[in-house]
């Protein structure tokens, strides 16, 4: 951490005056405050110690609510959501698994079952029955500001209860995860996010969860994760989606725009429409299999990731122009009234 000190400087003025031939000199005694620098350093040291203790308190407060989730595919993290043993994590942590082992920060191990998942937001809930787990406190992520302290707690590379620290770097929309999944909104953080951090906690200085770490940016030139650029799903999205999964077993209102097609990439030339959902928004607008989508709402969609990213920025019930290339090579603009992405 960078420690900064405020140097206080004191100055005194020596004044004199004269009248006629007679001069009277007034002497002002200046007391030099030699300990000023020491006092400033002490103040800075006290501030640093206070900040350090605040970070320690965050770890003590949040760590008991962060668990390790093990599947046959690998390891990830999760956050205890409520007193009923519900644990929220990333969908990609549990995807494809049928059994789950949850290990608490204290080392206790439990079997868990899947309650439900919502892949478009990369969120899932697993439940441990009969365990007295400690729920985390969740903050209102809409109140965050760039520069806020962010503490990531999870199990990167299987190193249980590891902690990294940074700040809230930015807020992003429509961030693609790959494989046709794009997150509608994310918190960008400089707190290092490593494999295994996924599904864990990103907390504020008050020990409240502000997000679920899910993604680290890859640098093609380095061949690995870019340093200091990670993304977390905001706590307000987590509470909404996880709450729906717990209440209904699935998401009933995703708040996400829905086009109603299944497609694939065409080497950067657009998204090939393979399947059009009957009676879906695209079908109602006249879209047909074999067409290639090249733009949505005025934004180019050269790849499937680009298309899902643009759709993630839009809201249901909005009518947008969708430019497609027909099989005969001609272009057509379809006006699509976007639906709501089904969560069932």
Protein backbone atom coordinates (compact mmCIF):
# COMPACT_ATOMS: atom_id res chain seq x y z
CA UNK A 1 0.00 0.00 0.00
CA UNK A 2 1.13 3.55 -0.59
CA UNK A 3 1.41 5.49 2.57
CA UNK A 4 1.21 9.27 2.28
CA UNK A 5 2.07 11.82 4.88
CA UNK A 6 1.01 15.41 5.18
CA UNK A 7 3.95 17.69 5.99
CA UNK A 8 2.90 20.70 8.02
CA UNK A 9 5.07 23.79 7.74
CA UNK A 10 4.92 26.66 10.22
CA UNK A 11 6.23 30.17 9.53
CA UNK A 12 6.57 33.18 11.76
CA UNK A 13 6.91 36.83 10.82
CA UNK A 14 9.32 39.28 12.34
CA UNK A 15 7.90 42.82 12.25
CA UNK A 16 9.53 46.18 12.93
CA UNK A 17 8.51 49.84 12.74
CA UNK A 18 10.24 53.24 12.89
CA UNK A 19 9.28 56.88 13.71
CA UNK A 20 11.52 59.94 13.01
CA UNK A 21 15.14 59.83 14.20
CA UNK A 22 14.26 57.50 17.02
CA UNK A 23 13.97 53.90 16.08
CA UNK A 24 12.24 51.35 18.24
CA UNK A 25 12.82 47.74 17.43
CA UNK A 26 10.22 45.25 18.50
CA UNK A 27 11.62 41.79 18.97
CA UNK A 28 9.36 38.81 18.43
CA UNK A 29 10.49 35.55 19.92
CA UNK A 30 9.89 32.65 17.53
CA UNK A 31 9.43 29.23 19.05
CA UNK A 32 10.46 26.62 16.54
CA UNK A 33 8.21 23.60 16.52
CA UNK A 34 10.90 21.06 15.79
CA UNK A 35 8.66 18.08 16.55
CA UNK A 36 6.23 19.09 13.75
CA UNK A 37 7.64 16.63 11.24
CA UNK A 38 7.64 13.91 13.85
CA UNK A 39 4.03 14.74 14.73
CA UNK A 40 3.02 14.59 11.07
CA UNK A 41 4.79 11.27 10.64
CA UNK A 42 3.08 9.95 13.74
CA UNK A 43 -0.29 11.06 12.39
CA UNK A 44 0.41 9.37 9.07
CA UNK A 45 1.53 6.23 10.86
CA UNK A 46 -1.64 6.22 12.94
CA UNK A 47 -3.75 6.64 9.80
CA UNK A 48 -1.93 3.78 8.09
CA UNK A 49 -2.39 1.59 11.15
CA UNK A 50 -6.10 2.43 11.22
CA UNK A 51 -6.46 1.53 7.56
CA UNK A 52 -4.53 -1.67 8.03
CA UNK A 53 -6.75 -2.65 10.95
CA UNK A 54 -9.82 -1.90 8.82
CA UNK A 55 -8.56 -4.36 6.20
CA UNK A 56 -7.92 -6.98 8.87
CA UNK A 57 -11.46 -6.44 10.17
CA UNK A 58 -12.88 -6.95 6.67
CA UNK A 59 -11.08 -10.28 6.38
CA UNK A 60 -12.29 -11.42 9.81
CA UNK A 61 -15.85 -10.36 8.99
CA UNK A 62 -16.13 -11.79 5.47
CA UNK A 63 -13.89 -14.89 5.40
CA UNK A 64 -16.23 -17.09 7.49
CA UNK A 65 -18.90 -16.54 4.81
CA UNK A 66 -16.65 -17.54 1.89
CA UNK A 67 -16.41 -21.25 1.10
CA UNK A 68 -14.53 -23.47 -1.28
CA UNK A 69 -16.62 -25.46 -3.76
CA UNK A 70 -15.10 -28.62 -5.20
CA UNK A 71 -16.49 -30.57 -8.14
CA UNK A 72 -15.11 -33.30 -10.35
CA UNK A 73 -14.09 -30.54 -12.77
CA UNK A 74 -12.15 -28.38 -10.31
CA UNK A 75 -12.26 -25.85 -7.49
CA UNK A 76 -14.03 -22.53 -7.06
CA UNK A 77 -15.48 -20.33 -4.38
CA UNK A 78 -18.90 -19.39 -3.05
CA UNK A 79 -20.52 -16.95 -0.64
CA UNK A 80 -23.06 -17.96 2.00
CA UNK A 81 -26.24 -16.18 0.97
CA UNK A 82 -28.64 -16.90 3.82
CA UNK A 83 -29.12 -18.82 7.07
CA UNK A 84 -30.74 -21.74 5.23
CA UNK A 85 -27.42 -22.92 3.83
CA UNK A 86 -27.83 -21.35 0.38
CA UNK A 87 -24.52 -20.46 -1.25
CA UNK A 88 -24.23 -18.25 -4.33
CA UNK A 89 -21.43 -18.87 -6.81
CA UNK A 90 -20.66 -18.62 -10.52
CA UNK A 91 -22.45 -20.93 -12.91
CA UNK A 92 -19.12 -21.82 -14.50
CA UNK A 93 -17.91 -23.13 -11.12
CA UNK A 94 -20.69 -25.74 -10.92
CA UNK A 95 -21.59 -26.23 -14.58
CA UNK A 96 -21.63 -29.86 -15.64
CA UNK A 97 -21.19 -31.17 -12.09
CA UNK A 98 -23.61 -33.44 -10.24
CA UNK A 99 -21.98 -33.44 -6.81
CA UNK A 100 -20.43 -30.66 -4.76
CA UNK A 101 -18.21 -30.56 -1.69
CA UNK A 102 -18.28 -27.33 0.30
CA UNK A 103 -15.41 -26.53 2.66
CA UNK A 104 -15.70 -23.61 5.08
CA UNK A 105 -12.87 -21.30 6.12
CA UNK A 106 -12.75 -23.28 9.39
CA UNK A 107 -12.13 -26.49 7.45
CA UNK A 108 -15.53 -28.14 7.89
CA UNK A 109 -16.70 -30.11 4.85
CA UNK A 110 -20.27 -30.61 3.66
CA UNK A 111 -22.08 -32.13 0.72
CA UNK A 112 -24.20 -29.70 -1.29
CA UNK A 113 -26.85 -29.92 -3.97
CA UNK A 114 -27.65 -27.59 -6.85
CA UNK A 115 -30.68 -25.36 -6.28
CA UNK A 116 -30.57 -23.74 -9.71
CA UNK A 117 -28.47 -21.74 -12.15
CA UNK A 118 -28.79 -18.87 -14.60
CA UNK A 119 -25.96 -19.15 -17.15
CA UNK A 120 -26.61 -15.76 -18.89
CA UNK A 121 -25.59 -13.97 -15.65
CA UNK A 122 -23.08 -16.71 -14.72
CA UNK A 123 -24.76 -17.26 -11.34
CA UNK A 124 -25.82 -20.40 -9.50
CA UNK A 125 -26.93 -21.45 -6.03
CA UNK A 126 -26.00 -24.61 -4.15
CA UNK A 127 -27.42 -25.60 -0.77
CA UNK A 128 -25.91 -27.29 2.27
CA UNK A 129 -28.58 -28.84 4.47
CA UNK A 130 -28.34 -28.84 8.25
CA UNK A 131 -25.19 -26.71 8.53
CA UNK A 132 -24.94 -23.54 10.55
CA UNK A 133 -23.21 -21.35 8.00
CA UNK A 134 -22.64 -17.64 8.48
CA UNK A 135 -24.38 -15.48 5.82
CA UNK A 136 -22.49 -12.55 4.35
CA UNK A 137 -23.80 -9.00 4.42
CA UNK A 138 -24.47 -7.60 0.94
CA UNK A 139 -24.02 -3.91 0.09
CA UNK A 140 -26.05 -1.78 -2.33
CA UNK A 141 -23.74 -1.86 -5.35
CA UNK A 142 -25.52 1.13 -6.91
CA UNK A 143 -23.84 3.29 -4.25
CA UNK A 144 -20.29 2.35 -5.26
CA UNK A 145 -17.85 4.88 -6.67
CA UNK A 146 -14.66 4.49 -8.65
CA UNK A 147 -11.82 4.54 -6.13
CA UNK A 148 -13.66 2.65 -3.39
CA UNK A 149 -11.55 0.02 -1.65
CA UNK A 150 -12.22 -3.53 -2.86
CA UNK A 151 -11.06 -6.71 -1.09
CA UNK A 152 -11.27 -10.06 -2.91
CA UNK A 153 -11.57 -13.18 -0.75
CA UNK A 154 -11.64 -16.64 -2.24
CA UNK A 155 -9.69 -19.79 -3.01
CA UNK A 156 -7.42 -19.03 -5.98
CA UNK A 157 -5.56 -22.09 -7.25
CA UNK A 158 -6.92 -24.00 -4.25
CA UNK A 159 -5.20 -21.69 -1.74
CA UNK A 160 -8.05 -21.44 0.71
CA UNK A 161 -9.14 -18.08 2.16
CA UNK A 162 -6.67 -16.01 0.15
CA UNK A 163 -7.08 -12.23 0.18
CA UNK A 164 -6.14 -9.58 -2.37
CA UNK A 165 -6.85 -5.87 -2.24
CA UNK A 166 -7.40 -3.08 -4.76
CA UNK A 167 -10.01 -0.54 -5.71
CA UNK A 168 -13.14 -0.25 -7.79
CA UNK A 169 -11.56 0.70 -11.12
CA UNK A 170 -14.62 1.23 -13.35
CA UNK A 171 -18.11 0.06 -14.20
CA UNK A 172 -18.67 -1.79 -17.48
CA UNK A 173 -21.68 -3.02 -19.44
CA UNK A 174 -22.07 -5.86 -21.89
CA UNK A 175 -18.82 -7.64 -21.00
CA UNK A 176 -18.47 -10.94 -22.91
CA UNK A 177 -17.32 -14.05 -21.06
CA UNK A 178 -17.04 -16.11 -24.21
CA UNK A 179 -19.21 -18.97 -25.49
CA UNK A 180 -22.06 -16.58 -26.22
CA UNK A 181 -22.36 -15.31 -22.62
CA UNK A 182 -22.18 -11.59 -21.86
CA UNK A 183 -22.71 -9.92 -18.49
CA UNK A 184 -25.01 -6.89 -18.58
CA UNK A 185 -23.06 -4.99 -15.92
CA UNK A 186 -19.85 -5.64 -14.01
CA UNK A 187 -17.56 -3.99 -11.49
CA UNK A 188 -14.00 -3.68 -12.76
CA UNK A 189 -11.46 -4.01 -9.95
CA UNK A 190 -7.70 -3.91 -9.54
CA UNK A 191 -7.87 -6.56 -6.79
CA UNK A 192 -6.18 -9.56 -8.45
CA UNK A 193 -8.67 -12.22 -9.61
CA UNK A 194 -7.14 -15.64 -10.18
CA UNK A 195 -8.56 -19.08 -11.10
CA UNK A 196 -10.45 -20.27 -8.04
CA UNK A 197 -11.50 -16.76 -7.00
CA UNK A 198 -14.59 -17.22 -9.16
CA UNK A 199 -17.74 -17.23 -7.06
CA UNK A 200 -16.02 -15.71 -4.02
CA UNK A 201 -16.48 -12.30 -2.43
CA UNK A 202 -15.47 -8.81 -3.46
CA UNK A 203 -16.03 -6.74 -0.31
CA UNK A 204 -15.96 -3.09 0.66
CA UNK A 205 -14.04 -1.58 3.57
CA UNK A 206 -17.08 -2.14 5.79
CA UNK A 207 -17.02 -5.87 5.23
CA UNK A 208 -20.03 -6.06 2.93
CA UNK A 209 -20.08 -8.02 -0.32
CA UNK A 210 -20.20 -5.65 -3.28
CA UNK A 211 -19.76 -8.27 -5.98
CA UNK A 212 -18.93 -11.83 -6.99
CA UNK A 213 -15.59 -12.11 -8.84
CA UNK A 214 -16.13 -13.95 -12.10
CA UNK A 215 -13.66 -12.98 -14.78
CA UNK A 216 -10.10 -11.82 -15.35
CA UNK A 217 -9.07 -10.17 -18.60
CA UNK A 218 -6.61 -12.13 -20.71
CA UNK A 219 -3.74 -10.42 -22.47
CA UNK A 220 -3.10 -12.19 -25.80
CA UNK A 221 0.47 -10.84 -25.90
CA UNK A 222 1.30 -12.20 -22.45
CA UNK A 223 -0.69 -15.38 -22.93
CA UNK A 224 -2.34 -15.03 -19.54
CA UNK A 225 -4.44 -12.83 -17.30
CA UNK A 226 -3.83 -9.08 -17.51
CA UNK A 227 -2.55 -7.75 -14.22
CA UNK A 228 -5.00 -5.66 -12.21
CA UNK A 229 -8.05 -6.05 -14.47
CA UNK A 230 -10.75 -8.28 -13.07
CA UNK A 231 -14.54 -8.21 -13.14
CA UNK A 232 -17.21 -8.96 -10.56
CA UNK A 233 -20.97 -9.29 -10.83
CA UNK A 234 -22.54 -6.44 -8.79
CA UNK A 235 -24.16 -7.41 -5.49
CA UNK A 236 -27.55 -6.01 -6.53
CA UNK A 237 -27.64 -8.39 -9.51
CA UNK A 238 -26.46 -11.25 -7.28
CA UNK A 239 -29.17 -10.64 -4.70
CA UNK A 240 -31.88 -10.39 -7.36
CA UNK A 241 -30.94 -13.46 -9.40
CA UNK A 242 -29.93 -15.67 -6.45
CA UNK A 243 -33.10 -14.67 -4.62
CA UNK A 244 -35.25 -15.74 -7.59
CA UNK A 245 -33.40 -19.07 -7.87
CA UNK A 246 -33.94 -19.77 -4.17
CA UNK A 247 -37.64 -18.82 -4.23
CA UNK A 248 -38.60 -20.45 -7.52
CA UNK A 249 -35.82 -22.85 -8.44
CA UNK A 250 -35.17 -20.74 -11.55
CA UNK A 251 -35.17 -17.13 -12.72
CA UNK A 252 -38.63 -15.75 -13.51
CA UNK A 253 -37.58 -12.21 -14.52
CA UNK A 254 -34.11 -11.90 -15.97
CA UNK A 255 -34.41 -8.20 -16.94
CA UNK A 256 -32.41 -9.15 -20.03
CA UNK A 257 -33.27 -8.54 -23.68
CA UNK A 258 -34.01 -11.62 -25.78
CA UNK A 259 -33.72 -12.03 -29.54
CA UNK A 260 -34.77 -15.65 -29.88
CA UNK A 261 -32.13 -17.22 -32.10
CA UNK A 262 -29.27 -19.69 -31.86
CA UNK A 263 -26.30 -18.78 -33.98
CA UNK A 264 -22.62 -19.13 -34.63
CA UNK A 265 -19.60 -17.18 -35.82
CA UNK A 266 -18.68 -16.57 -39.47
CA UNK A 267 -15.02 -15.51 -39.18
CA UNK A 268 -15.91 -11.96 -38.18
CA UNK A 269 -18.52 -11.40 -40.89
CA UNK A 270 -21.55 -11.54 -38.59
CA UNK A 271 -23.60 -14.09 -36.64
CA UNK A 272 -25.04 -16.96 -38.64
CA UNK A 273 -28.65 -17.68 -37.66
CA UNK A 274 -28.94 -21.44 -37.25
CA UNK A 275 -32.22 -21.68 -35.34
CA UNK A 276 -35.04 -19.15 -34.92
CA UNK A 277 -37.25 -19.75 -31.88
CA UNK A 278 -40.87 -20.15 -33.04
CA UNK A 279 -43.03 -17.19 -32.01
CA UNK A 280 -39.96 -15.46 -30.57
CA UNK A 281 -39.04 -11.80 -31.17
CA UNK A 282 -36.80 -12.56 -34.17
CA UNK A 283 -39.35 -14.89 -35.75
CA UNK A 284 -42.11 -12.31 -35.42
CA UNK A 285 -39.90 -9.76 -37.19
CA UNK A 286 -39.32 -12.09 -40.13
CA UNK A 287 -35.88 -13.47 -39.34
CA UNK A 288 -35.14 -16.89 -40.85
CA UNK A 289 -32.42 -19.53 -40.53
CA UNK A 290 -29.55 -18.92 -42.91
CA UNK A 291 -29.51 -15.16 -42.43
CA UNK A 292 -26.45 -13.44 -40.97
CA UNK A 293 -26.89 -10.71 -38.35
CA UNK A 294 -24.39 -7.89 -38.93
CA UNK A 295 -25.70 -5.21 -36.57
CA UNK A 296 -28.16 -4.61 -33.72
CA UNK A 297 -29.40 -1.18 -32.69
CA UNK A 298 -26.77 0.41 -34.90
CA UNK A 299 -23.86 -1.53 -33.41
CA UNK A 300 -21.85 -3.98 -35.49
CA UNK A 301 -22.04 -7.64 -34.44
CA UNK A 302 -19.15 -9.39 -36.22
CA UNK A 303 -19.10 -12.28 -33.72
CA UNK A 304 -21.48 -14.11 -31.40
CA UNK A 305 -19.73 -12.51 -28.40
CA UNK A 306 -20.31 -9.09 -29.93
CA UNK A 307 -23.99 -9.87 -30.47
CA UNK A 308 -24.54 -11.10 -26.91
CA UNK A 309 -22.61 -8.11 -25.59
CA UNK A 310 -24.87 -5.67 -27.45
CA UNK A 311 -28.02 -7.51 -26.37
CA UNK A 312 -26.84 -7.40 -22.75
CA UNK A 313 -26.86 -3.60 -22.94
CA UNK A 314 -30.47 -3.48 -24.12
CA UNK A 315 -33.74 -3.88 -22.23
CA UNK A 316 -36.82 -6.00 -22.99
CA UNK A 317 -39.75 -4.45 -24.88
CA UNK A 318 -37.50 -2.10 -26.83
CA UNK A 319 -37.84 -2.19 -30.62
CA UNK A 320 -34.46 -2.08 -32.35
CA UNK A 321 -33.27 -2.31 -35.98
CA UNK A 322 -31.45 -5.55 -36.78
CA UNK A 323 -29.54 -5.62 -40.07
CA UNK A 324 -29.26 -9.07 -41.64
CA UNK A 325 -27.69 -10.44 -44.80
CA UNK A 326 -30.03 -12.78 -46.65
CA UNK A 327 -28.89 -15.98 -48.32
CA UNK A 328 -29.04 -14.21 -51.69
CA UNK A 329 -26.51 -11.65 -50.41
CA UNK A 330 -28.96 -8.77 -50.05
CA UNK A 331 -29.31 -6.77 -46.86
CA UNK A 332 -32.52 -6.24 -44.93
CA UNK A 333 -33.32 -4.25 -41.82
CA UNK A 334 -35.74 -5.98 -39.48
CA UNK A 335 -37.40 -4.14 -36.61
CA UNK A 336 -37.38 -6.50 -33.64
CA UNK A 337 -39.38 -5.93 -30.46
CA UNK A 338 -37.04 -7.51 -27.93
CA UNK A 339 -38.48 -10.00 -25.49
CA UNK A 340 -37.37 -10.98 -21.98
CA UNK A 341 -34.75 -13.68 -21.77
CA UNK A 342 -36.44 -16.77 -20.35
CA UNK A 343 -35.04 -17.84 -17.02
CA UNK A 344 -36.72 -21.22 -16.70
